[in-house]
Amino acid sequence: MTLKKVDLAMWAKNGAKFLPSVLKRIEEVIPHECVNQRILVDDKSTDNTAQIARDFNWSVYPNREGFVRGGVMEALKHITEEFFVSVEQDVLLSKQWWEKIPKYMEDPKVAVAEGVRLSSNKALHSIQEYTLERHPELIASPTLDNNIWRTKVIRQIDIPKEYVLSVDSEVHYRLSKYTPYKWVIDKSAISTHLQPSLSYTIKHYQRLTPIEHRRRRQELDYVAFSRILKILMFSPFRSFDIVAKKHDPSVFFVYPLVRLMTVKLFLIRQKLIKSQT
């Protein structure tokens, strides 16, 4: 099967910092003749996200509901092709993405196919690359940021309003549990997650955490907490191994800090969950 046309979709909020590079890469990777519509759903951006999109010939629609779920649902209203591609506002597609990912849709049982993305930050990239080699399931997990979708299948999946941000995990869960379709992840198609610094990444996740607690309610997961605490305590030793294999000395300082932040975010999420029960 050769895809004749796809629609492109993006949901964005204040993405002006990276959007020109991201949209330019999409033009380079996905052949112009294979693109029908370019749809950007804007979540009340206060920068010039919408104008940048229009300058690249994308149609811009307002995200009336807000957050990721609102962006997805609004985009689906305008998609007309059998398949569509979603790219997030801070992801540079792998230059091999088009030749590697759409071919999975030749299997009629595949509803979604995507690659993986690693950070543009040198130390984070080394850590993620190391993790991808040892525990690929931790990096090659379902996302919404470099995917091709079978439109009719995704339209059948109900996404409750409480999953405003964790749409990726919820769609994957419902696809796996309630349909016969598959979600494929190709670990050889590596896109770039634009994260200019560690502080930028930490601030980003701290900003999202107050909303992420809207996932399924659960009691404090002591097993999970003890596991990530153990990983934190062992992190200086793991750092040596990563530095030796990736030849990046900065990892020695960054990896324990990342693990410390993981513990902090876990406790914040659990506090929010507890306050809602």
C-alpha atoms as a PDB file:
ATOM      1  CA  MET A   1       0.000   0.000   0.000  1.00  0.00           C
ATOM      2  CA  THR A   2       1.266   3.449  -0.904  1.00  0.00           C
ATOM      3  CA  LEU A   3      -0.205   6.387   0.963  1.00  0.00           C
ATOM      4  CA  LYS A   4      -1.470   8.918  -1.530  1.00  0.00           C
ATOM      5  CA  LYS A   5      -2.427  11.671   0.881  1.00  0.00           C
ATOM      6  CA  VAL A   6      -2.331  12.391   4.602  1.00  0.00           C
ATOM      7  CA  ASP A   7      -3.570  15.254   6.713  1.00  0.00           C
ATOM      8  CA  LEU A   8      -1.109  16.865   9.127  1.00  0.00           C
ATOM      9  CA  ALA A   9      -2.225  17.803  12.641  1.00  0.00           C
ATOM     10  CA  MET A  10      -0.594  19.670  15.497  1.00  0.00           C
ATOM     11  CA  TRP A  11      -1.934  20.980  18.805  1.00  0.00           C
ATOM     12  CA  ALA A  12       0.124  23.838  20.165  1.00  0.00           C
ATOM     13  CA  LYS A  13       0.391  26.427  22.910  1.00  0.00           C
ATOM     14  CA  ASN A  14       3.041  29.161  22.911  1.00  0.00           C
ATOM     15  CA  GLY A  15       5.195  27.164  20.528  1.00  0.00           C
ATOM     16  CA  ALA A  16       6.849  30.057  18.711  1.00  0.00           C
ATOM     17  CA  LYS A  17      10.324  29.231  20.077  1.00  0.00           C
ATOM     18  CA  PHE A  18      10.606  25.972  18.138  1.00  0.00           C
ATOM     19  CA  LEU A  19       7.745  26.067  15.651  1.00  0.00           C
ATOM     20  CA  PRO A  20       9.646  27.429  12.616  1.00  0.00           C
ATOM     21  CA  SER A  21      12.247  24.647  12.878  1.00  0.00           C
ATOM     22  CA  VAL A  22       9.589  21.991  13.478  1.00  0.00           C
ATOM     23  CA  LEU A  23       7.410  23.050  10.535  1.00  0.00           C
ATOM     24  CA  LYS A  24      10.404  23.391   8.237  1.00  0.00           C
ATOM     25  CA  ARG A  25      11.514  19.847   9.124  1.00  0.00           C
ATOM     26  CA  ILE A  26       8.018  18.519   8.393  1.00  0.00           C
ATOM     27  CA  GLU A  27       8.243  20.097   4.934  1.00  0.00           C
ATOM     28  CA  GLU A  28      11.616  18.436   4.405  1.00  0.00           C
ATOM     29  CA  VAL A  29      10.524  14.982   5.595  1.00  0.00           C
ATOM     30  CA  ILE A  30       6.953  14.558   4.288  1.00  0.00           C
ATOM     31  CA  PRO A  31       6.641  15.025   0.512  1.00  0.00           C
ATOM     32  CA  HIS A  32       4.523  18.018  -0.419  1.00  0.00           C
ATOM     33  CA  GLU A  33       2.468  15.978  -2.873  1.00  0.00           C
ATOM     34  CA  CYS A  34       1.463  13.590  -0.071  1.00  0.00           C
ATOM     35  CA  VAL A  35      -0.049  16.311   2.097  1.00  0.00           C
ATOM     36  CA  ASN A  36      -3.703  17.318   1.923  1.00  0.00           C
ATOM     37  CA  GLN A  37      -4.464  19.581   4.899  1.00  0.00           C
ATOM     38  CA  ARG A  38      -2.178  21.161   7.484  1.00  0.00           C
ATOM     39  CA  ILE A  39      -4.175  21.632  10.678  1.00  0.00           C
ATOM     40  CA  LEU A  40      -2.897  23.456  13.764  1.00  0.00           C
ATOM     41  CA  VAL A  41      -5.111  23.758  16.845  1.00  0.00           C
ATOM     42  CA  ASP A  42      -3.990  26.686  18.982  1.00  0.00           C
ATOM     43  CA  ASP A  43      -4.615  26.656  22.741  1.00  0.00           C
ATOM     44  CA  LYS A  44      -4.900  30.399  23.404  1.00  0.00           C
ATOM     45  CA  SER A  45      -1.230  31.122  22.697  1.00  0.00           C
ATOM     46  CA  THR A  46       0.058  34.510  23.832  1.00  0.00           C
ATOM     47  CA  ASP A  47       2.963  34.476  21.384  1.00  0.00           C
ATOM     48  CA  ASN A  48       2.859  34.390  17.571  1.00  0.00           C
ATOM     49  CA  THR A  49       2.302  30.639  17.266  1.00  0.00           C
ATOM     50  CA  ALA A  50      -0.784  31.086  15.087  1.00  0.00           C
ATOM     51  CA  GLN A  51       0.900  33.529  12.708  1.00  0.00           C
ATOM     52  CA  ILE A  52       3.954  31.302  12.281  1.00  0.00           C
ATOM     53  CA  ALA A  53       1.659  28.410  11.388  1.00  0.00           C
ATOM     54  CA  ARG A  54      -0.204  30.517   8.829  1.00  0.00           C
ATOM     55  CA  ASP A  55       3.112  31.640   7.334  1.00  0.00           C
ATOM     56  CA  PHE A  56       3.829  27.931   6.691  1.00  0.00           C
ATOM     57  CA  ASN A  57       0.384  27.504   5.086  1.00  0.00           C
ATOM     58  CA  TRP A  58      -1.222  25.733   8.023  1.00  0.00           C
ATOM     59  CA  SER A  59      -4.889  26.313   8.810  1.00  0.00           C
ATOM     60  CA  VAL A  60      -5.318  27.453  12.416  1.00  0.00           C
ATOM     61  CA  TYR A  61      -8.308  26.523  14.585  1.00  0.00           C
ATOM     62  CA  PRO A  62      -8.982  27.539  18.212  1.00  0.00           C
ATOM     63  CA  ASN A  63      -8.737  24.975  21.001  1.00  0.00           C
ATOM     64  CA  ARG A  64     -12.033  25.799  22.706  1.00  0.00           C
ATOM     65  CA  GLU A  65     -11.797  23.040  25.296  1.00  0.00           C
ATOM     66  CA  GLY A  66      -8.115  23.553  26.119  1.00  0.00           C
ATOM     67  CA  PHE A  67      -5.193  21.226  26.828  1.00  0.00           C
ATOM     68  CA  VAL A  68      -4.073  18.250  24.742  1.00  0.00           C
ATOM     69  CA  ARG A  69      -7.435  16.486  24.703  1.00  0.00           C
ATOM     70  CA  GLY A  70      -9.095  19.618  23.367  1.00  0.00           C
ATOM     71  CA  GLY A  71      -6.457  19.897  20.670  1.00  0.00           C
ATOM     72  CA  VAL A  72      -6.907  16.290  19.585  1.00  0.00           C
ATOM     73  CA  MET A  73     -10.698  16.489  19.518  1.00  0.00           C
ATOM     74  CA  GLU A  74     -10.698  19.742  17.546  1.00  0.00           C
ATOM     75  CA  ALA A  75      -8.188  18.405  15.018  1.00  0.00           C
ATOM     76  CA  LEU A  76     -10.317  15.306  14.440  1.00  0.00           C
ATOM     77  CA  LYS A  77     -13.236  17.529  13.426  1.00  0.00           C
ATOM     78  CA  HIS A  78     -11.274  18.799  10.422  1.00  0.00           C
ATOM     79  CA  ILE A  79      -9.353  15.699   9.289  1.00  0.00           C
ATOM     80  CA  THR A  80     -10.753  14.174   6.096  1.00  0.00           C
ATOM     81  CA  GLU A  81      -8.065  11.720   4.995  1.00  0.00           C
ATOM     82  CA  GLU A  82      -7.938   8.019   5.855  1.00  0.00           C
ATOM     83  CA  PHE A  83      -4.622   8.612   7.609  1.00  0.00           C
ATOM     84  CA  PHE A  84      -3.219  11.627   9.423  1.00  0.00           C
ATOM     85  CA  VAL A  85       0.148  12.523  10.929  1.00  0.00           C
ATOM     86  CA  SER A  86       0.527  14.264  14.291  1.00  0.00           C
ATOM     87  CA  VAL A  87       3.683  16.108  15.303  1.00  0.00           C
ATOM     88  CA  GLU A  88       4.105  18.053  18.527  1.00  0.00           C
ATOM     89  CA  GLN A  89       5.375  21.616  18.558  1.00  0.00           C
ATOM     90  CA  ASP A  90       8.809  20.768  19.977  1.00  0.00           C
ATOM     91  CA  VAL A  91       9.670  17.618  18.016  1.00  0.00           C
ATOM     92  CA  LEU A  92      11.952  17.551  14.977  1.00  0.00           C
ATOM     93  CA  LEU A  93      10.997  14.558  12.878  1.00  0.00           C
ATOM     94  CA  SER A  94      13.711  12.066  12.032  1.00  0.00           C
ATOM     95  CA  LYS A  95      14.826  12.579   8.443  1.00  0.00           C
ATOM     96  CA  GLN A  96      14.029   8.892   7.877  1.00  0.00           C
ATOM     97  CA  TRP A  97      10.585   9.142   9.491  1.00  0.00           C
ATOM     98  CA  TRP A  98       8.552   9.100   6.264  1.00  0.00           C
ATOM     99  CA  GLU A  99      10.365   6.132   4.781  1.00  0.00           C
ATOM    100  CA  LYS A 100      10.151   4.107   8.018  1.00  0.00           C
ATOM    101  CA  ILE A 101       6.837   4.824   9.741  1.00  0.00           C
ATOM    102  CA  PRO A 102       3.953   4.979   7.183  1.00  0.00           C
ATOM    103  CA  LYS A 103       4.791   1.506   5.844  1.00  0.00           C
ATOM    104  CA  TYR A 104       3.406  -0.019   9.066  1.00  0.00           C
ATOM    105  CA  MET A 105      -0.055   1.079   7.985  1.00  0.00           C
ATOM    106  CA  GLU A 106       0.052  -1.560   5.255  1.00  0.00           C
ATOM    107  CA  ASP A 107      -1.047  -3.908   8.025  1.00  0.00           C
ATOM    108  CA  PRO A 108      -4.811  -3.272   8.404  1.00  0.00           C
ATOM    109  CA  LYS A 109      -4.572  -4.166  12.089  1.00  0.00           C
ATOM    110  CA  VAL A 110      -2.210  -1.276  12.848  1.00  0.00           C
ATOM    111  CA  ALA A 111      -4.037   1.830  14.051  1.00  0.00           C
ATOM    112  CA  VAL A 112      -1.011   3.900  15.077  1.00  0.00           C
ATOM    113  CA  ALA A 113       2.682   3.863  14.214  1.00  0.00           C
ATOM    114  CA  GLU A 114       5.452   6.102  15.501  1.00  0.00           C
ATOM    115  CA  GLY A 115       9.149   6.369  16.128  1.00  0.00           C
ATOM    116  CA  VAL A 116      10.897   7.456  19.332  1.00  0.00           C
ATOM    117  CA  ARG A 117      12.363  10.809  20.284  1.00  0.00           C
ATOM    118  CA  LEU A 118      15.489  11.654  22.242  1.00  0.00           C
ATOM    119  CA  SER A 119      16.357  14.966  23.834  1.00  0.00           C
ATOM    120  CA  SER A 120      18.380  17.603  22.004  1.00  0.00           C
ATOM    121  CA  ASN A 121      20.185  18.288  25.283  1.00  0.00           C
ATOM    122  CA  LYS A 122      23.528  16.455  25.124  1.00  0.00           C
ATOM    123  CA  ALA A 123      23.474  14.933  28.611  1.00  0.00           C
ATOM    124  CA  LEU A 124      19.795  13.990  28.484  1.00  0.00           C
ATOM    125  CA  HIS A 125      20.335  12.520  25.030  1.00  0.00           C
ATOM    126  CA  SER A 126      23.149  10.308  26.362  1.00  0.00           C
ATOM    127  CA  ILE A 127      20.986   9.134  29.275  1.00  0.00           C
ATOM    128  CA  GLN A 128      17.990   8.397  27.044  1.00  0.00           C
ATOM    129  CA  GLU A 129      20.106   6.649  24.428  1.00  0.00           C
ATOM    130  CA  TYR A 130      21.637   4.468  27.151  1.00  0.00           C
ATOM    131  CA  THR A 131      18.157   3.696  28.504  1.00  0.00           C
ATOM    132  CA  LEU A 132      16.838   2.900  25.023  1.00  0.00           C
ATOM    133  CA  GLU A 133      19.586   0.317  24.608  1.00  0.00           C
ATOM    134  CA  ARG A 134      19.046  -1.321  28.032  1.00  0.00           C
ATOM    135  CA  HIS A 135      15.344  -0.791  28.729  1.00  0.00           C
ATOM    136  CA  PRO A 136      13.702   0.250  25.461  1.00  0.00           C
ATOM    137  CA  GLU A 137      10.201   0.050  26.947  1.00  0.00           C
ATOM    138  CA  LEU A 138      11.002   3.114  29.088  1.00  0.00           C
ATOM    139  CA  ILE A 139      11.840   5.275  26.076  1.00  0.00           C
ATOM    140  CA  ALA A 140       9.800   3.571  23.352  1.00  0.00           C
ATOM    141  CA  SER A 141       6.479   4.300  25.028  1.00  0.00           C
ATOM    142  CA  PRO A 142       3.276   5.597  23.372  1.00  0.00           C
ATOM    143  CA  THR A 143       3.228   9.320  22.612  1.00  0.00           C
ATOM    144  CA  LEU A 144       1.311  11.672  20.341  1.00  0.00           C
ATOM    145  CA  ASP A 145       4.299  13.520  18.983  1.00  0.00           C
ATOM    146  CA  ASN A 146       5.495  11.752  15.809  1.00  0.00           C
ATOM    147  CA  ASN A 147       2.651   9.467  14.782  1.00  0.00           C
ATOM    148  CA  ILE A 148       0.653   8.323  11.803  1.00  0.00           C
ATOM    149  CA  TRP A 149      -2.934   7.348  12.649  1.00  0.00           C
ATOM    150  CA  ARG A 150      -5.741   5.371  11.019  1.00  0.00           C
ATOM    151  CA  THR A 151      -8.398   8.056  11.322  1.00  0.00           C
ATOM    152  CA  LYS A 152     -11.519   5.892  11.548  1.00  0.00           C
ATOM    153  CA  VAL A 153     -10.077   3.875  14.451  1.00  0.00           C
ATOM    154  CA  ILE A 154      -9.050   6.882  16.523  1.00  0.00           C
ATOM    155  CA  ARG A 155     -12.467   8.454  16.032  1.00  0.00           C
ATOM    156  CA  GLN A 156     -14.004   5.380  17.648  1.00  0.00           C
ATOM    157  CA  ILE A 157     -11.988   5.797  20.860  1.00  0.00           C
ATOM    158  CA  ASP A 158     -13.673   7.832  23.567  1.00  0.00           C
ATOM    159  CA  ILE A 159     -11.278  10.024  25.538  1.00  0.00           C
ATOM    160  CA  PRO A 160     -12.899  11.176  28.817  1.00  0.00           C
ATOM    161  CA  LYS A 161     -12.494  14.854  29.602  1.00  0.00           C
ATOM    162  CA  GLU A 162     -10.456  14.214  32.745  1.00  0.00           C
ATOM    163  CA  TYR A 163      -7.540  13.032  30.592  1.00  0.00           C
ATOM    164  CA  VAL A 164      -6.597  16.524  29.505  1.00  0.00           C
ATOM    165  CA  LEU A 165      -2.867  15.781  29.203  1.00  0.00           C
ATOM    166  CA  SER A 166      -2.366  12.040  29.444  1.00  0.00           C
ATOM    167  CA  VAL A 167      -4.183  11.455  26.175  1.00  0.00           C
ATOM    168  CA  ASP A 168      -1.379   9.297  24.790  1.00  0.00           C
ATOM    169  CA  SER A 169      -1.490   6.716  27.584  1.00  0.00           C
ATOM    170  CA  GLU A 170      -5.297   6.748  27.653  1.00  0.00           C
ATOM    171  CA  VAL A 171      -5.653   6.219  23.895  1.00  0.00           C
ATOM    172  CA  HIS A 172      -3.066   3.432  24.047  1.00  0.00           C
ATOM    173  CA  TYR A 173      -4.889   1.815  26.978  1.00  0.00           C
ATOM    174  CA  ARG A 174      -8.291   1.931  25.270  1.00  0.00           C
ATOM    175  CA  LEU A 175      -6.906   0.834  21.917  1.00  0.00           C
ATOM    176  CA  SER A 176      -5.249  -2.204  23.512  1.00  0.00           C
ATOM    177  CA  LYS A 177      -8.148  -3.122  25.781  1.00  0.00           C
ATOM    178  CA  TYR A 178     -11.199  -2.490  23.613  1.00  0.00           C
ATOM    179  CA  THR A 179     -10.082  -2.947  19.997  1.00  0.00           C
ATOM    180  CA  PRO A 180      -8.156  -5.563  17.965  1.00  0.00           C
ATOM    181  CA  TYR A 181      -5.820  -2.885  16.593  1.00  0.00           C
ATOM    182  CA  LYS A 182      -2.109  -2.441  17.300  1.00  0.00           C
ATOM    183  CA  TRP A 183       0.136   0.481  18.241  1.00  0.00           C
ATOM    184  CA  VAL A 184       3.588   0.083  16.672  1.00  0.00           C
ATOM    185  CA  ILE A 185       6.774   1.841  17.802  1.00  0.00           C
ATOM    186  CA  ASP A 186       9.855   1.741  15.569  1.00  0.00           C
ATOM    187  CA  LYS A 187      12.940   2.294  17.727  1.00  0.00           C
ATOM    188  CA  SER A 188      15.126   2.948  14.680  1.00  0.00           C
ATOM    189  CA  ALA A 189      13.263   6.143  13.699  1.00  0.00           C
ATOM    190  CA  ILE A 190      14.699   8.595  16.205  1.00  0.00           C
ATOM    191  CA  SER A 191      13.291  12.115  16.214  1.00  0.00           C
ATOM    192  CA  THR A 192      14.580  14.995  18.345  1.00  0.00           C
ATOM    193  CA  HIS A 193      12.766  16.413  21.359  1.00  0.00           C
ATOM    194  CA  LEU A 194      13.881  20.033  21.516  1.00  0.00           C
ATOM    195  CA  GLN A 195      15.040  20.661  25.075  1.00  0.00           C
ATOM    196  CA  PRO A 196      17.745  23.346  25.061  1.00  0.00           C
ATOM    197  CA  SER A 197      18.708  22.883  28.706  1.00  0.00           C
ATOM    198  CA  LEU A 198      18.063  20.745  31.746  1.00  0.00           C
ATOM    199  CA  SER A 199      16.458  23.675  33.577  1.00  0.00           C
ATOM    200  CA  TYR A 200      14.042  24.146  30.649  1.00  0.00           C
ATOM    201  CA  THR A 201      13.031  20.482  30.875  1.00  0.00           C
ATOM    202  CA  ILE A 202      12.559  20.573  34.659  1.00  0.00           C
ATOM    203  CA  LYS A 203      10.425  23.729  34.488  1.00  0.00           C
ATOM    204  CA  HIS A 204       8.332  22.157  31.731  1.00  0.00           C
ATOM    205  CA  TYR A 205       7.474  19.066  33.785  1.00  0.00           C
ATOM    206  CA  GLN A 206       6.914  21.091  36.955  1.00  0.00           C
ATOM    207  CA  ARG A 207       4.416  23.207  35.024  1.00  0.00           C
ATOM    208  CA  LEU A 208       2.516  20.135  33.798  1.00  0.00           C
ATOM    209  CA  THR A 209       2.433  18.244  37.088  1.00  0.00           C
ATOM    210  CA  PRO A 210      -0.537  20.095  38.685  1.00  0.00           C
ATOM    211  CA  ILE A 211      -2.713  18.914  35.790  1.00  0.00           C
ATOM    212  CA  GLU A 212      -1.317  15.412  35.369  1.00  0.00           C
ATOM    213  CA  HIS A 213      -2.968  14.218  38.568  1.00  0.00           C
ATOM    214  CA  ARG A 214      -6.208  13.894  36.619  1.00  0.00           C
ATOM    215  CA  ARG A 215      -5.128  10.414  35.530  1.00  0.00           C
ATOM    216  CA  ARG A 216      -6.845   7.424  37.113  1.00  0.00           C
ATOM    217  CA  ARG A 217      -7.096   7.902  40.861  1.00  0.00           C
ATOM    218  CA  GLN A 218      -4.967   5.567  42.970  1.00  0.00           C
ATOM    219  CA  GLU A 219      -3.622   5.235  46.496  1.00  0.00           C
ATOM    220  CA  LEU A 220      -0.006   6.046  47.243  1.00  0.00           C
ATOM    221  CA  ASP A 221       2.028   3.480  45.335  1.00  0.00           C
ATOM    222  CA  TYR A 222       4.642   2.494  47.920  1.00  0.00           C
ATOM    223  CA  VAL A 223       6.134  -0.128  45.613  1.00  0.00           C
ATOM    224  CA  ALA A 224       6.726   2.408  42.862  1.00  0.00           C
ATOM    225  CA  PHE A 225       8.056   4.963  45.340  1.00  0.00           C
ATOM    226  CA  SER A 226      10.514   2.522  46.889  1.00  0.00           C
ATOM    227  CA  ARG A 227      11.703   1.585  43.408  1.00  0.00           C
ATOM    228  CA  ILE A 228      12.397   5.141  42.235  1.00  0.00           C
ATOM    229  CA  LEU A 229      13.997   5.938  45.608  1.00  0.00           C
ATOM    230  CA  LYS A 230      16.309   2.949  45.155  1.00  0.00           C
ATOM    231  CA  ILE A 231      17.163   4.153  41.636  1.00  0.00           C
ATOM    232  CA  LEU A 232      17.988   7.595  43.065  1.00  0.00           C
ATOM    233  CA  MET A 233      20.336   6.125  45.666  1.00  0.00           C
ATOM    234  CA  PHE A 234      22.080   4.021  43.021  1.00  0.00           C
ATOM    235  CA  SER A 235      22.229   6.882  40.476  1.00  0.00           C
ATOM    236  CA  PRO A 236      25.861   7.965  41.150  1.00  0.00           C
ATOM    237  CA  PHE A 237      27.036   4.436  40.338  1.00  0.00           C
ATOM    238  CA  ARG A 238      24.819   4.247  37.237  1.00  0.00           C
ATOM    239  CA  SER A 239      26.262   7.579  36.134  1.00  0.00           C
ATOM    240  CA  PHE A 240      29.743   6.046  35.920  1.00  0.00           C
ATOM    241  CA  ASP A 241      28.440   3.333  33.596  1.00  0.00           C
ATOM    242  CA  ILE A 242      26.662   5.830  31.325  1.00  0.00           C
ATOM    243  CA  VAL A 243      29.717   8.096  31.176  1.00  0.00           C
ATOM    244  CA  ALA A 244      31.926   5.137  30.270  1.00  0.00           C
ATOM    245  CA  LYS A 245      29.610   3.982  27.489  1.00  0.00           C
ATOM    246  CA  LYS A 246      28.551   7.370  26.098  1.00  0.00           C
ATOM    247  CA  HIS A 247      31.752   9.346  26.764  1.00  0.00           C
ATOM    248  CA  ASP A 248      29.807  12.288  28.187  1.00  0.00           C
ATOM    249  CA  PRO A 249      31.200  13.443  31.581  1.00  0.00           C
ATOM    250  CA  SER A 250      28.274  15.821  32.168  1.00  0.00           C
ATOM    251  CA  VAL A 251      26.048  12.781  32.743  1.00  0.00           C
ATOM    252  CA  PHE A 252      27.775  12.194  36.073  1.00  0.00           C
ATOM    253  CA  PHE A 253      26.106  15.333  37.450  1.00  0.00           C
ATOM    254  CA  VAL A 254      22.922  15.351  35.385  1.00  0.00           C
ATOM    255  CA  TYR A 255      21.725  11.771  35.910  1.00  0.00           C
ATOM    256  CA  PRO A 256      21.386  11.973  39.735  1.00  0.00           C
ATOM    257  CA  LEU A 257      19.637  15.334  39.325  1.00  0.00           C
ATOM    258  CA  VAL A 258      17.154  13.800  36.876  1.00  0.00           C
ATOM    259  CA  ARG A 259      16.491  10.965  39.330  1.00  0.00           C
ATOM    260  CA  LEU A 260      16.020  13.435  42.178  1.00  0.00           C
ATOM    261  CA  MET A 261      13.502  15.348  40.082  1.00  0.00           C
ATOM    262  CA  THR A 262      11.673  12.081  39.342  1.00  0.00           C
ATOM    263  CA  VAL A 263      11.215  11.507  43.074  1.00  0.00           C
ATOM    264  CA  LYS A 264      10.051  15.085  43.599  1.00  0.00           C
ATOM    265  CA  LEU A 265       7.485  14.935  40.794  1.00  0.00           C
ATOM    266  CA  PHE A 266       6.246  11.550  42.029  1.00  0.00           C
ATOM    267  CA  LEU A 267       5.589  12.996  45.494  1.00  0.00           C
ATOM    268  CA  ILE A 268       3.849  16.052  44.042  1.00  0.00           C
ATOM    269  CA  ARG A 269       1.577  13.855  41.922  1.00  0.00           C
ATOM    270  CA  GLN A 270       0.766  11.579  44.861  1.00  0.00           C
ATOM    271  CA  LYS A 271      -0.069  14.587  47.033  1.00  0.00           C
ATOM    272  CA  LEU A 272      -2.430  15.877  44.362  1.00  0.00           C
ATOM    273  CA  ILE A 273      -4.053  12.462  43.955  1.00  0.00           C
ATOM    274  CA  LYS A 274      -4.518  12.175  47.729  1.00  0.00           C
ATOM    275  CA  SER A 275      -6.079  15.644  47.903  1.00  0.00           C
ATOM    276  CA  GLN A 276      -8.659  14.603  45.298  1.00  0.00           C
ATOM    277  CA  THR A 277      -9.744  11.363  46.996  1.00  0.00           C
END
